[in-house]
Amino acid sequence: MSKSANRLEFLTENDWVLLGSVATRRKFRLGEEIIREGAPGDIIYFIRSGTAAVELMGSRERKPIAVLVEDDICGEIAFLDGGRTTASVVAKEEEVEVDAISAGDLRRLFDDFSGLGARFYRSLAVALARRLRETSRQLAGS
């Protein structure tokens, strides 16, 4: 089974326990927005069950650009640059469960557990590099 490009592979079991200690479990129904494109990006989400679609607003309608599954992360771009979200993420099953972690809580964990921050950012850098590589391949093939 291949790993999703969006998974944070360098986090340890203990890191996940720490993240879970500040996470809030939320449920979304089919069609509900987990993230709204252009909104302030102060929360990172981890998909715990179900699937969600990453969608960009085109000239007339939203275009799906990726599918997120269990253990995938979303909201990370706005977290990194402190800007607004770059896409919407929409629940694509009857119920999608996510763990939501505020940027403030996440940064406090990084301050308290420096190794966690290093592993998190390394994982995120690799995930973003994979995503960019895949996007480049798709653009070259079109």
Protein backbone atom coordinates (compact mmCIF):
# COMPACT_ATOMS: atom_id res chain seq x y z
CA MET A 1 0.00 0.00 0.00
CA SER A 2 1.51 3.31 -1.02
CA LYS A 3 1.63 6.19 1.42
CA SER A 4 -0.34 9.29 0.68
CA ALA A 5 1.76 12.32 -0.18
CA ASN A 6 -0.02 14.19 2.62
CA ARG A 7 0.96 12.00 5.57
CA LEU A 8 3.44 13.09 8.22
CA GLU A 9 5.74 10.11 8.15
CA PHE A 10 8.44 11.19 10.59
CA LEU A 11 6.15 11.64 13.60
CA THR A 12 6.51 9.06 16.36
CA GLU A 13 3.72 7.38 18.31
CA ASN A 14 4.46 9.74 21.20
CA ASP A 15 4.20 12.72 18.84
CA TRP A 16 0.73 11.58 17.81
CA VAL A 17 -0.26 11.28 21.48
CA LEU A 18 0.88 14.87 22.06
CA LEU A 19 -1.02 16.09 19.02
CA GLY A 20 -4.08 14.17 20.16
CA SER A 21 -3.92 15.89 23.54
CA VAL A 22 -4.74 19.26 21.94
CA ALA A 23 -6.94 18.03 19.09
CA THR A 24 -10.69 18.37 18.89
CA ARG A 25 -12.58 15.59 17.09
CA ARG A 26 -15.13 16.99 14.64
CA LYS A 27 -17.60 15.31 12.31
CA PHE A 28 -18.73 16.56 8.92
CA ARG A 29 -21.56 15.26 6.76
CA LEU A 30 -21.51 14.69 3.02
CA GLY A 31 -21.04 18.01 1.20
CA GLU A 32 -20.08 20.04 4.28
CA GLU A 33 -16.99 22.20 4.09
CA ILE A 34 -14.20 21.27 6.43
CA ILE A 35 -12.18 24.21 5.10
CA ARG A 36 -13.55 27.13 3.07
CA GLU A 37 -11.29 28.56 0.38
CA GLY A 38 -10.07 32.04 1.34
CA ALA A 39 -10.86 31.71 5.06
CA PRO A 40 -8.28 32.50 7.75
CA GLY A 41 -6.10 29.43 8.14
CA ASP A 42 -5.66 29.00 11.86
CA ILE A 43 -6.49 25.27 12.12
CA ILE A 44 -4.80 22.15 10.79
CA TYR A 45 -6.97 19.09 10.18
CA PHE A 46 -6.09 15.41 10.15
CA ILE A 47 -8.57 13.13 8.41
CA ARG A 48 -9.42 10.29 10.83
CA SER A 49 -12.09 8.51 8.80
CA GLY A 50 -13.84 9.02 5.52
CA THR A 51 -12.73 10.87 2.42
CA ALA A 52 -12.70 14.53 1.51
CA ALA A 53 -12.01 16.40 -1.70
CA VAL A 54 -9.72 19.39 -2.09
CA GLU A 55 -11.48 21.80 -4.43
CA LEU A 56 -10.55 25.10 -6.09
CA MET A 57 -13.05 27.64 -7.30
CA GLY A 58 -12.84 27.94 -11.06
CA SER A 59 -14.53 30.57 -13.18
CA ARG A 60 -17.97 28.99 -12.69
CA GLU A 61 -17.67 26.04 -10.33
CA ARG A 62 -15.39 24.23 -7.97
CA LYS A 63 -12.85 21.86 -9.46
CA PRO A 64 -11.67 18.83 -7.46
CA ILE A 65 -7.88 18.66 -7.42
CA ALA A 66 -7.15 15.97 -4.82
CA VAL A 67 -8.74 13.36 -2.59
CA LEU A 68 -7.84 13.11 1.10
CA VAL A 69 -8.12 9.87 3.06
CA GLU A 70 -7.39 8.66 6.58
CA ASP A 71 -4.23 10.21 8.12
CA ASP A 72 -4.00 12.96 5.49
CA ILE A 73 -3.45 16.54 6.62
CA CYS A 74 -5.08 19.69 5.30
CA GLY A 75 -4.88 23.37 6.17
CA GLU A 76 -1.10 23.20 6.36
CA ILE A 77 -0.32 25.84 3.72
CA ALA A 78 -2.17 28.59 5.59
CA PHE A 79 -0.61 27.35 8.84
CA LEU A 80 2.87 27.69 7.34
CA ASP A 81 2.50 31.14 5.83
CA GLY A 82 -0.10 32.59 8.21
CA GLY A 83 -2.33 33.45 5.27
CA ARG A 84 -5.73 32.41 4.08
CA THR A 85 -6.66 28.93 2.92
CA THR A 86 -5.85 28.21 -0.72
CA ALA A 87 -8.63 25.67 -1.38
CA SER A 88 -11.82 24.25 0.05
CA VAL A 89 -11.94 20.78 1.58
CA VAL A 90 -15.34 19.09 1.36
CA ALA A 91 -16.61 15.88 2.99
CA LYS A 92 -17.29 13.22 0.35
CA GLU A 93 -18.87 10.54 2.54
CA GLU A 94 -21.91 10.43 4.80
CA GLU A 95 -19.60 11.13 7.73
CA VAL A 96 -16.01 12.36 7.77
CA GLU A 97 -14.19 12.61 11.11
CA VAL A 98 -11.25 14.93 11.55
CA ASP A 99 -8.96 16.01 14.35
CA ALA A 100 -8.69 19.79 14.39
CA ILE A 101 -5.70 21.48 16.02
CA SER A 102 -5.41 25.24 16.31
CA ALA A 103 -2.20 26.82 15.08
CA GLY A 104 -1.66 28.34 18.52
CA ASP A 105 -1.94 24.98 20.29
CA LEU A 106 0.37 23.39 17.75
CA ARG A 107 3.01 26.09 18.13
CA ARG A 108 2.84 25.79 21.94
CA LEU A 109 3.51 22.06 21.62
CA PHE A 110 6.50 22.84 19.40
CA ASP A 111 7.83 25.24 22.04
CA ASP A 112 7.44 22.65 24.78
CA PHE A 113 8.71 19.66 22.77
CA SER A 114 11.38 20.85 20.31
CA GLY A 115 11.84 17.41 18.77
CA LEU A 116 8.16 17.35 17.86
CA GLY A 117 8.47 20.59 15.93
CA ALA A 118 11.51 19.36 14.01
CA ARG A 119 9.83 16.07 13.07
CA PHE A 120 6.57 17.82 12.16
CA TYR A 121 8.22 20.37 9.87
CA ARG A 122 10.46 17.71 8.28
CA SER A 123 7.40 15.56 7.59
CA LEU A 124 5.52 18.52 6.19
CA ALA A 125 8.42 19.54 3.95
CA VAL A 126 8.63 16.02 2.48
CA ALA A 127 4.84 15.87 1.99
CA LEU A 128 4.83 19.24 0.20
CA ALA A 129 7.80 18.22 -1.96
CA ARG A 130 5.96 15.03 -3.01
CA ARG A 131 2.84 17.02 -3.79
CA LEU A 132 4.82 19.52 -5.90
CA ARG A 133 6.59 16.70 -7.74
CA GLU A 134 3.23 15.02 -8.54
CA THR A 135 1.70 18.31 -9.66
CA SER A 136 4.72 18.96 -11.92
CA ARG A 137 4.32 15.48 -13.46
CA GLN A 138 0.63 16.11 -14.10
CA LEU A 139 1.30 19.50 -15.69
CA ALA A 140 4.05 18.05 -17.88
CA GLY A 141 1.69 15.33 -19.08
CA SER A 142 -1.14 17.67 -19.99
